[in-house]
Amino acid sequence: MEVVLTDRELDVMSVLWRIGSGTVAEVQRGLPDRLAYTTVLTVLRILEGKGYASHEEEGRAYRYHPLVEQSDARRSALRRLTRKVFSVVAVSLKNQLVSDRELPEDVLRRLRDFLDERLGEVEP
């Protein structure tokens, strides 16, 4: 599952991951920035709409809990970052690595072995 979070959503999810679950007020207290109660509530509702969080009634309040693992969000963020940063420079990075005359032969061999192994994982 691709988990796409804005900075504010990530702040709120980080609190939920840290405390396990929380009411709007508890999440609000756990945030590094002082946000209005209604702002935190809006972000939690957006997270619910995306399927990343859910709530259950607890008296007059709602208790929110995460539906996605922090590790899944990390993986998705890293994949997005890698695509954005390296899609433009991947070819020039490869060219630079391979053409660098000072790169030891054993490093080139390990790089080739890594690529062979990685391609073997992708190919049927």
PDB file of N, CA and C in Angstrom:
ATOM      1  N   MET A   1       0.845  -1.181   0.000  1.00  0.00           N
ATOM      2  CA  MET A   1       0.000   0.000   0.000  1.00  0.00           C
ATOM      3  C   MET A   1       0.889   1.242   0.000  1.00  0.00           C
ATOM      4  N   GLU A   2       0.653   2.109  -0.960  1.00  0.00           N
ATOM      5  CA  GLU A   2       1.393   3.368  -1.043  1.00  0.00           C
ATOM      6  C   GLU A   2       0.781   4.338  -0.034  1.00  0.00           C
ATOM      7  N   VAL A   3       1.581   4.807   0.902  1.00  0.00           N
ATOM      8  CA  VAL A   3       1.124   5.735   1.931  1.00  0.00           C
ATOM      9  C   VAL A   3       1.682   7.113   1.593  1.00  0.00           C
ATOM     10  N   VAL A   4       0.793   8.045   1.269  1.00  0.00           N
ATOM     11  CA  VAL A   4       1.211   9.396   0.902  1.00  0.00           C
ATOM     12  C   VAL A   4       0.690  10.361   1.958  1.00  0.00           C
ATOM     13  N   LEU A   5       1.620  10.965   2.696  1.00  0.00           N
ATOM     14  CA  LEU A   5       1.257  11.878   3.779  1.00  0.00           C
ATOM     15  C   LEU A   5       1.850  13.259   3.542  1.00  0.00           C
ATOM     16  N   THR A   6       1.056  14.289   3.796  1.00  0.00           N
ATOM     17  CA  THR A   6       1.594  15.645   3.803  1.00  0.00           C
ATOM     18  C   THR A   6       2.408  15.817   5.084  1.00  0.00           C
ATOM     19  N   ASP A   7       3.140  16.906   5.192  1.00  0.00           N
ATOM     20  CA  ASP A   7       3.926  17.144   6.411  1.00  0.00           C
ATOM     21  C   ASP A   7       3.029  17.174   7.650  1.00  0.00           C
ATOM     22  N   ARG A   8       1.907  17.862   7.569  1.00  0.00           N
ATOM     23  CA  ARG A   8       0.996  17.970   8.714  1.00  0.00           C
ATOM     24  C   ARG A   8       0.393  16.615   9.057  1.00  0.00           C
ATOM     25  N   GLU A   9       0.001  15.849   8.038  1.00  0.00           N
ATOM     26  CA  GLU A   9      -0.531  14.513   8.280  1.00  0.00           C
ATOM     27  C   GLU A   9       0.518  13.623   8.937  1.00  0.00           C
ATOM     28  N   LEU A  10       1.753  13.757   8.493  1.00  0.00           N
ATOM     29  CA  LEU A  10       2.834  12.976   9.086  1.00  0.00           C
ATOM     30  C   LEU A  10       3.027  13.340  10.553  1.00  0.00           C
ATOM     31  N   ASP A  11       2.930  14.621  10.878  1.00  0.00           N
ATOM     32  CA  ASP A  11       3.030  15.049  12.282  1.00  0.00           C
ATOM     33  C   ASP A  11       1.959  14.355  13.131  1.00  0.00           C
ATOM     34  N   VAL A  12       0.737  14.342  12.631  1.00  0.00           N
ATOM     35  CA  VAL A  12      -0.375  13.743  13.378  1.00  0.00           C
ATOM     36  C   VAL A  12      -0.206  12.225  13.469  1.00  0.00           C
ATOM     37  N   MET A  13       0.149  11.601  12.353  1.00  0.00           N
ATOM     38  CA  MET A  13       0.353  10.146  12.372  1.00  0.00           C
ATOM     39  C   MET A  13       1.496   9.776  13.307  1.00  0.00           C
ATOM     40  N   SER A  14       2.534  10.592  13.366  1.00  0.00           N
ATOM     41  CA  SER A  14       3.662  10.310  14.263  1.00  0.00           C
ATOM     42  C   SER A  14       3.204  10.255  15.712  1.00  0.00           C
ATOM     43  N   VAL A  15       2.282  11.132  16.067  1.00  0.00           N
ATOM     44  CA  VAL A  15       1.737  11.102  17.434  1.00  0.00           C
ATOM     45  C   VAL A  15       0.943   9.817  17.646  1.00  0.00           C
ATOM     46  N   LEU A  16       0.096   9.465  16.671  1.00  0.00           N
ATOM     47  CA  LEU A  16      -0.693   8.238  16.811  1.00  0.00           C
ATOM     48  C   LEU A  16       0.209   7.011  16.909  1.00  0.00           C
ATOM     49  N   TRP A  17       1.252   6.962  16.097  1.00  0.00           N
ATOM     50  CA  TRP A  17       2.174   5.817  16.172  1.00  0.00           C
ATOM     51  C   TRP A  17       2.871   5.770  17.524  1.00  0.00           C
ATOM     52  N   ARG A  18       3.226   6.932  18.054  1.00  0.00           N
ATOM     53  CA  ARG A  18       3.955   6.987  19.326  1.00  0.00           C
ATOM     54  C   ARG A  18       3.065   6.592  20.495  1.00  0.00           C
ATOM     55  N   ILE A  19       1.822   7.100  20.527  1.00  0.00           N
ATOM     56  CA  ILE A  19       0.964   6.844  21.685  1.00  0.00           C
ATOM     57  C   ILE A  19      -0.017   5.684  21.469  1.00  0.00           C
ATOM     58  N   GLY A  20      -0.097   5.200  20.238  1.00  0.00           N
ATOM     59  CA  GLY A  20      -0.973   4.060  19.955  1.00  0.00           C
ATOM     60  C   GLY A  20      -2.365   4.463  19.518  1.00  0.00           C
ATOM     61  N   SER A  21      -2.977   5.359  20.248  1.00  0.00           N
ATOM     62  CA  SER A  21      -4.285   5.911  19.893  1.00  0.00           C
ATOM     63  C   SER A  21      -4.473   7.173  20.728  1.00  0.00           C
ATOM     64  N   GLY A  22      -5.405   8.007  20.295  1.00  0.00           N
ATOM     65  CA  GLY A  22      -5.629   9.221  21.074  1.00  0.00           C
ATOM     66  C   GLY A  22      -6.846   9.989  20.625  1.00  0.00           C
ATOM     67  N   THR A  23      -7.367  10.778  21.540  1.00  0.00           N
ATOM     68  CA  THR A  23      -8.438  11.700  21.211  1.00  0.00           C
ATOM     69  C   THR A  23      -7.818  12.897  20.492  1.00  0.00           C
ATOM     70  N   VAL A  24      -8.656  13.751  19.959  1.00  0.00           N
ATOM     71  CA  VAL A  24      -8.141  14.947  19.286  1.00  0.00           C
ATOM     72  C   VAL A  24      -7.270  15.753  20.251  1.00  0.00           C
ATOM     73  N   ALA A  25      -7.734  15.923  21.477  1.00  0.00           N
ATOM     74  CA  ALA A  25      -6.986  16.702  22.472  1.00  0.00           C
ATOM     75  C   ALA A  25      -5.640  16.043  22.794  1.00  0.00           C
ATOM     76  N   GLU A  26      -5.613  14.721  22.898  1.00  0.00           N
ATOM     77  CA  GLU A  26      -4.356  14.020  23.186  1.00  0.00           C
ATOM     78  C   GLU A  26      -3.369  14.151  22.031  1.00  0.00           C
ATOM     79  N   VAL A  27      -3.880  14.028  20.818  1.00  0.00           N
ATOM     80  CA  VAL A  27      -3.017  14.195  19.644  1.00  0.00           C
ATOM     81  C   VAL A  27      -2.506  15.630  19.592  1.00  0.00           C
ATOM     82  N   GLN A  28      -3.394  16.571  19.857  1.00  0.00           N
ATOM     83  CA  GLN A  28      -3.020  17.994  19.852  1.00  0.00           C
ATOM     84  C   GLN A  28      -1.872  18.252  20.831  1.00  0.00           C
ATOM     85  N   ARG A  29      -1.960  17.687  22.020  1.00  0.00           N
ATOM     86  CA  ARG A  29      -0.902  17.874  23.017  1.00  0.00           C
ATOM     87  C   ARG A  29       0.420  17.228  22.602  1.00  0.00           C
ATOM     88  N   GLY A  30       0.342  16.170  21.807  1.00  0.00           N
ATOM     89  CA  GLY A  30       1.544  15.462  21.390  1.00  0.00           C
ATOM     90  C   GLY A  30       2.274  16.068  20.208  1.00  0.00           C
ATOM     91  N   LEU A  31       1.680  17.069  19.588  1.00  0.00           N
ATOM     92  CA  LEU A  31       2.293  17.684  18.409  1.00  0.00           C
ATOM     93  C   LEU A  31       3.376  18.682  18.787  1.00  0.00           C
ATOM     94  N   PRO A  32       4.416  18.790  17.956  1.00  0.00           N
ATOM     95  CA  PRO A  32       5.491  19.750  18.248  1.00  0.00           C
ATOM     96  C   PRO A  32       5.038  21.199  18.080  1.00  0.00           C
ATOM     97  N   ASP A  33       4.082  21.440  17.175  1.00  0.00           N
ATOM     98  CA  ASP A  33       3.546  22.794  16.958  1.00  0.00           C
ATOM     99  C   ASP A  33       2.204  22.935  17.645  1.00  0.00           C
ATOM    100  N   ARG A  34       1.901  24.131  18.085  1.00  0.00           N
ATOM    101  CA  ARG A  34       0.596  24.386  18.682  1.00  0.00           C
ATOM    102  C   ARG A  34      -0.410  24.580  17.557  1.00  0.00           C
ATOM    103  N   LEU A  35      -1.319  23.644  17.426  1.00  0.00           N
ATOM    104  CA  LEU A  35      -2.360  23.723  16.409  1.00  0.00           C
ATOM    105  C   LEU A  35      -3.712  23.820  17.079  1.00  0.00           C
ATOM    106  N   ALA A  36      -4.627  24.477  16.413  1.00  0.00           N
ATOM    107  CA  ALA A  36      -5.992  24.579  16.921  1.00  0.00           C
ATOM    108  C   ALA A  36      -6.634  23.192  16.940  1.00  0.00           C
ATOM    109  N   TYR A  37      -7.512  22.997  17.885  1.00  0.00           N
ATOM    110  CA  TYR A  37      -8.241  21.738  18.017  1.00  0.00           C
ATOM    111  C   TYR A  37      -8.916  21.374  16.699  1.00  0.00           C
ATOM    112  N   THR A  38      -9.557  22.366  16.067  1.00  0.00           N
ATOM    113  CA  THR A  38     -10.279  22.100  14.820  1.00  0.00           C
ATOM    114  C   THR A  38      -9.324  21.700  13.684  1.00  0.00           C
ATOM    115  N   THR A  39      -8.123  22.228  13.708  1.00  0.00           N
ATOM    116  CA  THR A  39      -7.131  21.862  12.694  1.00  0.00           C
ATOM    117  C   THR A  39      -6.728  20.404  12.861  1.00  0.00           C
ATOM    118  N   VAL A  40      -6.469  19.984  14.094  1.00  0.00           N
ATOM    119  CA  VAL A  40      -6.109  18.593  14.367  1.00  0.00           C
ATOM    120  C   VAL A  40      -7.264  17.675  13.979  1.00  0.00           C
ATOM    121  N   LEU A  41      -8.471  18.069  14.313  1.00  0.00           N
ATOM    122  CA  LEU A  41      -9.654  17.281  13.957  1.00  0.00           C
ATOM    123  C   LEU A  41      -9.765  17.147  12.438  1.00  0.00           C
ATOM    124  N   THR A  42      -9.554  18.219  11.716  1.00  0.00           N
ATOM    125  CA  THR A  42      -9.620  18.188  10.249  1.00  0.00           C
ATOM    126  C   THR A  42      -8.581  17.235   9.678  1.00  0.00           C
ATOM    127  N   VAL A  43      -7.357  17.289  10.193  1.00  0.00           N
ATOM    128  CA  VAL A  43      -6.296  16.396   9.709  1.00  0.00           C
ATOM    129  C   VAL A  43      -6.659  14.940  10.005  1.00  0.00           C
ATOM    130  N   LEU A  44      -7.180  14.675  11.186  1.00  0.00           N
ATOM    131  CA  LEU A  44      -7.585  13.304  11.529  1.00  0.00           C
ATOM    132  C   LEU A  44      -8.694  12.810  10.605  1.00  0.00           C
ATOM    133  N   ARG A  45      -9.628  13.670  10.264  1.00  0.00           N
ATOM    134  CA  ARG A  45     -10.706  13.284   9.346  1.00  0.00           C
ATOM    135  C   ARG A  45     -10.162  13.007   7.945  1.00  0.00           C
ATOM    136  N   ILE A  46      -9.188  13.803   7.517  1.00  0.00           N
ATOM    137  CA  ILE A  46      -8.547  13.571   6.220  1.00  0.00           C
ATOM    138  C   ILE A  46      -7.836  12.222   6.227  1.00  0.00           C
ATOM    139  N   LEU A  47      -7.122  11.931   7.323  1.00  0.00           N
ATOM    140  CA  LEU A  47      -6.427  10.649   7.450  1.00  0.00           C
ATOM    141  C   LEU A  47      -7.416   9.484   7.412  1.00  0.00           C
ATOM    142  N   GLU A  48      -8.568   9.668   8.029  1.00  0.00           N
ATOM    143  CA  GLU A  48      -9.606   8.631   7.967  1.00  0.00           C
ATOM    144  C   GLU A  48     -10.093   8.449   6.536  1.00  0.00           C
ATOM    145  N   GLY A  49     -10.303   9.565   5.851  1.00  0.00           N
ATOM    146  CA  GLY A  49     -10.763   9.506   4.464  1.00  0.00           C
ATOM    147  C   GLY A  49      -9.786   8.781   3.552  1.00  0.00           C
ATOM    148  N   LYS A  50      -8.505   8.908   3.859  1.00  0.00           N
ATOM    149  CA  LYS A  50      -7.477   8.229   3.071  1.00  0.00           C
ATOM    150  C   LYS A  50      -7.305   6.774   3.493  1.00  0.00           C
ATOM    151  N   GLY A  51      -7.947   6.383   4.589  1.00  0.00           N
ATOM    152  CA  GLY A  51      -7.825   5.009   5.076  1.00  0.00           C
ATOM    153  C   GLY A  51      -6.592   4.768   5.933  1.00  0.00           C
ATOM    154  N   TYR A  52      -5.965   5.835   6.436  1.00  0.00           N
ATOM    155  CA  TYR A  52      -4.749   5.711   7.240  1.00  0.00           C
ATOM    156  C   TYR A  52      -5.033   5.697   8.735  1.00  0.00           C
ATOM    157  N   ALA A  53      -6.219   6.123   9.124  1.00  0.00           N
ATOM    158  CA  ALA A  53      -6.603   6.151  10.537  1.00  0.00           C
ATOM    159  C   ALA A  53      -8.092   5.827  10.638  1.00  0.00           C
ATOM    160  N   SER A  54      -8.495   5.476  11.852  1.00  0.00           N
ATOM    161  CA  SER A  54      -9.894   5.172  12.115  1.00  0.00           C
ATOM    162  C   SER A  54     -10.208   5.653  13.523  1.00  0.00           C
ATOM    163  N   HIS A  55     -11.494   5.680  13.864  1.00  0.00           N
ATOM    164  CA  HIS A  55     -11.849   6.101  15.216  1.00  0.00           C
ATOM    165  C   HIS A  55     -12.934   5.196  15.784  1.00  0.00           C
ATOM    166  N   GLU A  56     -13.024   5.258  17.091  1.00  0.00           N
ATOM    167  CA  GLU A  56     -14.120   4.600  17.797  1.00  0.00           C
ATOM    168  C   GLU A  56     -14.612   5.584  18.846  1.00  0.00           C
ATOM    169  N   GLU A  57     -15.888   5.469  19.164  1.00  0.00           N
ATOM    170  CA  GLU A  57     -16.454   6.375  20.160  1.00  0.00           C
ATOM    171  C   GLU A  57     -15.956   6.013  21.545  1.00  0.00           C
ATOM    172  N   GLU A  58     -15.632   7.047  22.290  1.00  0.00           N
ATOM    173  CA  GLU A  58     -15.202   6.887  23.677  1.00  0.00           C
ATOM    174  C   GLU A  58     -15.894   7.989  24.472  1.00  0.00           C
ATOM    175  N   GLY A  59     -17.061   7.653  25.012  1.00  0.00           N
ATOM    176  CA  GLY A  59     -17.858   8.681  25.686  1.00  0.00           C
ATOM    177  C   GLY A  59     -18.307   9.719  24.672  1.00  0.00           C
ATOM    178  N   ARG A  60     -18.006  10.974  24.967  1.00  0.00           N
ATOM    179  CA  ARG A  60     -18.384  12.054  24.052  1.00  0.00           C
ATOM    180  C   ARG A  60     -17.296  12.334  23.016  1.00  0.00           C
ATOM    181  N   ALA A  61     -16.165  11.689  23.143  1.00  0.00           N
ATOM    182  CA  ALA A  61     -15.037  11.936  22.234  1.00  0.00           C
ATOM    183  C   ALA A  61     -14.836  10.740  21.309  1.00  0.00           C
ATOM    184  N   TYR A  62     -14.015  10.954  20.324  1.00  0.00           N
ATOM    185  CA  TYR A  62     -13.570   9.883  19.440  1.00  0.00           C
ATOM    186  C   TYR A  62     -12.118   9.568  19.771  1.00  0.00           C
ATOM    187  N   ARG A  63     -11.784   8.287  19.758  1.00  0.00           N
ATOM    188  CA  ARG A  63     -10.395   7.852  19.933  1.00  0.00           C
ATOM    189  C   ARG A  63      -9.906   7.364  18.584  1.00  0.00           C
ATOM    190  N   TYR A  64      -8.862   8.010  18.089  1.00  0.00           N
ATOM    191  CA  TYR A  64      -8.298   7.697  16.784  1.00  0.00           C
ATOM    192  C   TYR A  64      -7.117   6.742  16.929  1.00  0.00           C
ATOM    193  N   HIS A  65      -6.966   5.866  15.965  1.00  0.00           N
ATOM    194  CA  HIS A  65      -5.819   4.964  15.955  1.00  0.00           C
ATOM    195  C   HIS A  65      -5.349   4.775  14.513  1.00  0.00           C
ATOM    196  N   PRO A  66      -4.062   4.511  14.345  1.00  0.00           N
ATOM    197  CA  PRO A  66      -3.516   4.354  12.987  1.00  0.00           C
ATOM    198  C   PRO A  66      -3.932   3.023  12.369  1.00  0.00           C
ATOM    199  N   LEU A  67      -4.159   3.044  11.066  1.00  0.00           N
ATOM    200  CA  LEU A  67      -4.463   1.822  10.327  1.00  0.00           C
ATOM    201  C   LEU A  67      -3.284   1.375   9.462  1.00  0.00           C
ATOM    202  N   VAL A  68      -2.283   2.240   9.347  1.00  0.00           N
ATOM    203  CA  VAL A  68      -1.085   1.881   8.580  1.00  0.00           C
ATOM    204  C   VAL A  68       0.111   1.868   9.522  1.00  0.00           C
ATOM    205  N   GLU A  69       1.051   1.020   9.202  1.00  0.00           N
ATOM    206  CA  GLU A  69       2.263   0.916  10.009  1.00  0.00           C
ATOM    207  C   GLU A  69       3.228   2.044   9.647  1.00  0.00           C
ATOM    208  N   GLN A  70       3.971   2.490  10.628  1.00  0.00           N
ATOM    209  CA  GLN A  70       4.965   3.525  10.401  1.00  0.00           C
ATOM    210  C   GLN A  70       6.002   3.056   9.377  1.00  0.00           C
ATOM    211  N   SER A  71       6.352   1.800   9.417  1.00  0.00           N
ATOM    212  CA  SER A  71       7.339   1.262   8.468  1.00  0.00           C
ATOM    213  C   SER A  71       6.830   1.346   7.032  1.00  0.00           C
ATOM    214  N   ASP A  72       5.520   1.157   6.817  1.00  0.00           N
ATOM    215  CA  ASP A  72       4.957   1.282   5.468  1.00  0.00           C
ATOM    216  C   ASP A  72       5.038   2.724   4.986  1.00  0.00           C
ATOM    217  N   ALA A  73       4.784   3.662   5.885  1.00  0.00           N
ATOM    218  CA  ALA A  73       4.876   5.077   5.521  1.00  0.00           C
ATOM    219  C   ALA A  73       6.316   5.455   5.203  1.00  0.00           C
ATOM    220  N   ARG A  74       7.257   4.932   5.976  1.00  0.00           N
ATOM    221  CA  ARG A  74       8.681   5.195   5.709  1.00  0.00           C
ATOM    222  C   ARG A  74       9.090   4.678   4.343  1.00  0.00           C
ATOM    223  N   ARG A  75       8.683   3.431   4.053  1.00  0.00           N
ATOM    224  CA  ARG A  75       9.028   2.824   2.759  1.00  0.00           C
ATOM    225  C   ARG A  75       8.454   3.640   1.607  1.00  0.00           C
ATOM    226  N   SER A  76       7.201   4.041   1.735  1.00  0.00           N
ATOM    227  CA  SER A  76       6.563   4.825   0.671  1.00  0.00           C
ATOM    228  C   SER A  76       7.267   6.163   0.488  1.00  0.00           C
ATOM    229  N   ALA A  77       7.597   6.817   1.586  1.00  0.00           N
ATOM    230  CA  ALA A  77       8.275   8.115   1.496  1.00  0.00           C
ATOM    231  C   ALA A  77       9.643   7.969   0.853  1.00  0.00           C
ATOM    232  N   LEU A  78      10.364   6.920   1.229  1.00  0.00           N
ATOM    233  CA  LEU A  78      11.688   6.699   0.657  1.00  0.00           C
ATOM    234  C   LEU A  78      11.595   6.387  -0.836  1.00  0.00           C
ATOM    235  N   ARG A  79      10.608   5.597  -1.233  1.00  0.00           N
ATOM    236  CA  ARG A  79      10.415   5.304  -2.657  1.00  0.00           C
ATOM    237  C   ARG A  79      10.113   6.577  -3.440  1.00  0.00           C
ATOM    238  N   ARG A  80       9.216   7.425  -2.900  1.00  0.00           N
ATOM    239  CA  ARG A  80       8.881   8.678  -3.588  1.00  0.00           C
ATOM    240  C   ARG A  80      10.105   9.576  -3.703  1.00  0.00           C
ATOM    241  N   LEU A  81      10.854   9.686  -2.609  1.00  0.00           N
ATOM    242  CA  LEU A  81      12.054  10.522  -2.622  1.00  0.00           C
ATOM    243  C   LEU A  81      13.071  10.000  -3.624  1.00  0.00           C
ATOM    244  N   THR A  82      13.274   8.700  -3.629  1.00  0.00           N
ATOM    245  CA  THR A  82      14.233   8.097  -4.552  1.00  0.00           C
ATOM    246  C   THR A  82      13.825   8.342  -5.999  1.00  0.00           C
ATOM    247  N   ARG A  83      12.535   8.160  -6.288  1.00  0.00           N
ATOM    248  CA  ARG A  83      12.060   8.400  -7.658  1.00  0.00           C
ATOM    249  C   ARG A  83      12.279   9.845  -8.061  1.00  0.00           C
ATOM    250  N   LYS A  84      11.950  10.776  -7.156  1.00  0.00           N
ATOM    251  CA  LYS A  84      12.077  12.198  -7.480  1.00  0.00           C
ATOM    252  C   LYS A  84      13.536  12.610  -7.659  1.00  0.00           C
ATOM    253  N   VAL A  85      14.382  12.209  -6.749  1.00  0.00           N
ATOM    254  CA  VAL A  85      15.766  12.654  -6.755  1.00  0.00           C
ATOM    255  C   VAL A  85      16.594  11.922  -7.796  1.00  0.00           C
ATOM    256  N   PHE A  86      16.468  10.603  -7.850  1.00  0.00           N
ATOM    257  CA  PHE A  86      17.373   9.828  -8.669  1.00  0.00           C
ATOM    258  C   PHE A  86      16.886   9.564 -10.081  1.00  0.00           C
ATOM    259  N   SER A  87      15.615   9.786 -10.369  1.00  0.00           N
ATOM    260  CA  SER A  87      15.168   9.548 -11.737  1.00  0.00           C
ATOM    261  C   SER A  87      15.886  10.490 -12.691  1.00  0.00           C
ATOM    262  N   VAL A  88      16.188  11.680 -12.255  1.00  0.00           N
ATOM    263  CA  VAL A  88      16.861  12.664 -13.094  1.00  0.00           C
ATOM    264  C   VAL A  88      18.352  12.378 -13.192  1.00  0.00           C
ATOM    265  N   VAL A  89      18.944  11.935 -12.099  1.00  0.00           N
ATOM    266  CA  VAL A  89      20.400  11.796 -12.068  1.00  0.00           C
ATOM    267  C   VAL A  89      20.885  10.354 -12.146  1.00  0.00           C
ATOM    268  N   ALA A  90      19.990   9.391 -12.249  1.00  0.00           N
ATOM    269  CA  ALA A  90      20.411   7.987 -12.216  1.00  0.00           C
ATOM    270  C   ALA A  90      21.403   7.660 -13.325  1.00  0.00           C
ATOM    271  N   VAL A  91      21.135   8.118 -14.533  1.00  0.00           N
ATOM    272  CA  VAL A  91      22.028   7.805 -15.649  1.00  0.00           C
ATOM    273  C   VAL A  91      23.378   8.471 -15.453  1.00  0.00           C
ATOM    274  N   SER A  92      23.377   9.737 -15.054  1.00  0.00           N
ATOM    275  CA  SER A  92      24.665  10.412 -14.870  1.00  0.00           C
ATOM    276  C   SER A  92      25.420   9.838 -13.672  1.00  0.00           C
ATOM    277  N   LEU A  93      24.708   9.387 -12.639  1.00  0.00           N
ATOM    278  CA  LEU A  93      25.359   8.747 -11.503  1.00  0.00           C
ATOM    279  C   LEU A  93      26.041   7.454 -11.944  1.00  0.00           C
ATOM    280  N   LYS A  94      25.321   6.642 -12.705  1.00  0.00           N
ATOM    281  CA  LYS A  94      25.891   5.390 -13.216  1.00  0.00           C
ATOM    282  C   LYS A  94      27.111   5.685 -14.075  1.00  0.00           C
ATOM    283  N   ASN A  95      26.982   6.647 -14.980  1.00  0.00           N
ATOM    284  CA  ASN A  95      28.103   6.988 -15.860  1.00  0.00           C
ATOM    285  C   ASN A  95      29.310   7.456 -15.055  1.00  0.00           C
ATOM    286  N   GLN A  96      29.070   8.260 -14.042  1.00  0.00           N
ATOM    287  CA  GLN A  96      30.164   8.762 -13.218  1.00  0.00           C
ATOM    288  C   GLN A  96      30.853   7.628 -12.458  1.00  0.00           C
ATOM    289  N   LEU A  97      30.044   6.731 -11.880  1.00  0.00           N
ATOM    290  CA  LEU A  97      30.614   5.607 -11.131  1.00  0.00           C
ATOM    291  C   LEU A  97      31.460   4.703 -12.021  1.00  0.00           C
ATOM    292  N   VAL A  98      30.935   4.382 -13.184  1.00  0.00           N
ATOM    293  CA  VAL A  98      31.609   3.433 -14.059  1.00  0.00           C
ATOM    294  C   VAL A  98      32.843   4.054 -14.716  1.00  0.00           C
ATOM    295  N   SER A  99      32.778   5.332 -15.053  1.00  0.00           N
ATOM    296  CA  SER A  99      33.903   5.953 -15.756  1.00  0.00           C
ATOM    297  C   SER A  99      34.985   6.465 -14.809  1.00  0.00           C
ATOM    298  N   ASP A 100      34.726   6.473 -13.525  1.00  0.00           N
ATOM    299  CA  ASP A 100      35.720   6.943 -12.559  1.00  0.00           C
ATOM    300  C   ASP A 100      36.908   5.985 -12.543  1.00  0.00           C
ATOM    301  N   ARG A 101      38.029   6.450 -13.045  1.00  0.00           N
ATOM    302  CA  ARG A 101      39.226   5.611 -13.167  1.00  0.00           C
ATOM    303  C   ARG A 101      39.824   5.259 -11.809  1.00  0.00           C
ATOM    304  N   GLU A 102      39.482   5.999 -10.781  1.00  0.00           N
ATOM    305  CA  GLU A 102      40.049   5.730  -9.457  1.00  0.00           C
ATOM    306  C   GLU A 102      39.214   4.729  -8.660  1.00  0.00           C
ATOM    307  N   LEU A 103      38.089   4.334  -9.219  1.00  0.00           N
ATOM    308  CA  LEU A 103      37.231   3.369  -8.543  1.00  0.00           C
ATOM    309  C   LEU A 103      37.891   1.993  -8.615  1.00  0.00           C
ATOM    310  N   PRO A 104      38.188   1.380  -7.471  1.00  0.00           N
ATOM    311  CA  PRO A 104      38.873   0.085  -7.467  1.00  0.00           C
ATOM    312  C   PRO A 104      38.050  -0.993  -8.186  1.00  0.00           C
ATOM    313  N   GLU A 105      38.760  -1.931  -8.775  1.00  0.00           N
ATOM    314  CA  GLU A 105      38.118  -3.003  -9.527  1.00  0.00           C
ATOM    315  C   GLU A 105      37.173  -3.824  -8.644  1.00  0.00           C
ATOM    316  N   ASP A 106      37.554  -4.056  -7.376  1.00  0.00           N
ATOM    317  CA  ASP A 106      36.682  -4.847  -6.498  1.00  0.00           C
ATOM    318  C   ASP A 106      35.358  -4.133  -6.231  1.00  0.00           C
ATOM    319  N   VAL A 107      35.373  -2.814  -6.197  1.00  0.00           N
ATOM    320  CA  VAL A 107      34.135  -2.052  -6.010  1.00  0.00           C
ATOM    321  C   VAL A 107      33.253  -2.204  -7.244  1.00  0.00           C
ATOM    322  N   LEU A 108      33.867  -2.129  -8.423  1.00  0.00           N
ATOM    323  CA  LEU A 108      33.111  -2.324  -9.661  1.00  0.00           C
ATOM    324  C   LEU A 108      32.499  -3.721  -9.720  1.00  0.00           C
ATOM    325  N   ARG A 109      33.253  -4.721  -9.283  1.00  0.00           N
ATOM    326  CA  ARG A 109      32.733  -6.095  -9.278  1.00  0.00           C
ATOM    327  C   ARG A 109      31.545  -6.229  -8.315  1.00  0.00           C
ATOM    328  N   ARG A 110      31.683  -5.637  -7.132  1.00  0.00           N
ATOM    329  CA  ARG A 110      30.569  -5.700  -6.163  1.00  0.00           C
ATOM    330  C   ARG A 110      29.344  -4.992  -6.715  1.00  0.00           C
ATOM    331  N   LEU A 111      29.563  -3.872  -7.392  1.00  0.00           N
ATOM    332  CA  LEU A 111      28.455  -3.142  -8.001  1.00  0.00           C
ATOM    333  C   LEU A 111      27.781  -4.007  -9.064  1.00  0.00           C
ATOM    334  N   ARG A 112      28.595  -4.674  -9.906  1.00  0.00           N
ATOM    335  CA  ARG A 112      28.040  -5.553 -10.938  1.00  0.00           C
ATOM    336  C   ARG A 112      27.284  -6.708 -10.295  1.00  0.00           C
ATOM    337  N   ASP A 113      27.847  -7.311  -9.248  1.00  0.00           N
ATOM    338  CA  ASP A 113      27.175  -8.412  -8.559  1.00  0.00           C
ATOM    339  C   ASP A 113      25.837  -7.960  -7.971  1.00  0.00           C
ATOM    340  N   PHE A 114      25.854  -6.773  -7.375  1.00  0.00           N
ATOM    341  CA  PHE A 114      24.613  -6.236  -6.804  1.00  0.00           C
ATOM    342  C   PHE A 114      23.563  -6.052  -7.889  1.00  0.00           C
ATOM    343  N   LEU A 115      23.966  -5.460  -9.014  1.00  0.00           N
ATOM    344  CA  LEU A 115      23.022  -5.239 -10.114  1.00  0.00           C
ATOM    345  C   LEU A 115      22.519  -6.555 -10.683  1.00  0.00           C
ATOM    346  N   ASP A 116      23.408  -7.528 -10.855  1.00  0.00           N
ATOM    347  CA  ASP A 116      22.991  -8.844 -11.348  1.00  0.00           C
ATOM    348  C   ASP A 116      21.973  -9.481 -10.408  1.00  0.00           C
ATOM    349  N   GLU A 117      22.244  -9.379  -9.111  1.00  0.00           N
ATOM    350  CA  GLU A 117      21.317  -9.945  -8.122  1.00  0.00           C
ATOM    351  C   GLU A 117      19.976  -9.217  -8.154  1.00  0.00           C
ATOM    352  N   ARG A 118      20.028  -7.907  -8.218  1.00  0.00           N
ATOM    353  CA  ARG A 118      18.796  -7.094  -8.231  1.00  0.00           C
ATOM    354  C   ARG A 118      17.991  -7.369  -9.479  1.00  0.00           C
ATOM    355  N   LEU A 119      18.640  -7.480 -10.620  1.00  0.00           N
ATOM    356  CA  LEU A 119      17.923  -7.775 -11.864  1.00  0.00           C
ATOM    357  C   LEU A 119      17.343  -9.175 -11.837  1.00  0.00           C
ATOM    358  N   GLY A 120      18.012 -10.074 -11.184  1.00  0.00           N
ATOM    359  CA  GLY A 120      17.493 -11.437 -11.047  1.00  0.00           C
ATOM    360  C   GLY A 120      16.226 -11.482 -10.222  1.00  0.00           C
ATOM    361  N   GLU A 121      16.082 -10.546  -9.259  1.00  0.00           N
ATOM    362  CA  GLU A 121      14.877 -10.477  -8.436  1.00  0.00           C
ATOM    363  C   GLU A 121      13.698  -9.975  -9.238  1.00  0.00           C
ATOM    364  N   VAL A 122      13.954  -9.115 -10.225  1.00  0.00           N
ATOM    365  CA  VAL A 122      12.887  -8.482 -10.988  1.00  0.00           C
ATOM    366  C   VAL A 122      12.431  -9.351 -12.146  1.00  0.00           C
ATOM    367  N   GLU A 123      13.371 -10.013 -12.803  1.00  0.00           N
ATOM    368  CA  GLU A 123      13.046 -10.808 -13.972  1.00  0.00           C
ATOM    369  C   GLU A 123      12.276 -12.068 -13.572  1.00  0.00           C
ATOM    370  N   PRO A 124      11.347 -12.503 -14.434  1.00  0.00           N
ATOM    371  CA  PRO A 124      10.567 -13.727 -14.132  1.00  0.00           C
ATOM    372  C   PRO A 124      11.406 -14.970 -14.201  1.00  0.00           C
TER     373      PRO A 124
END
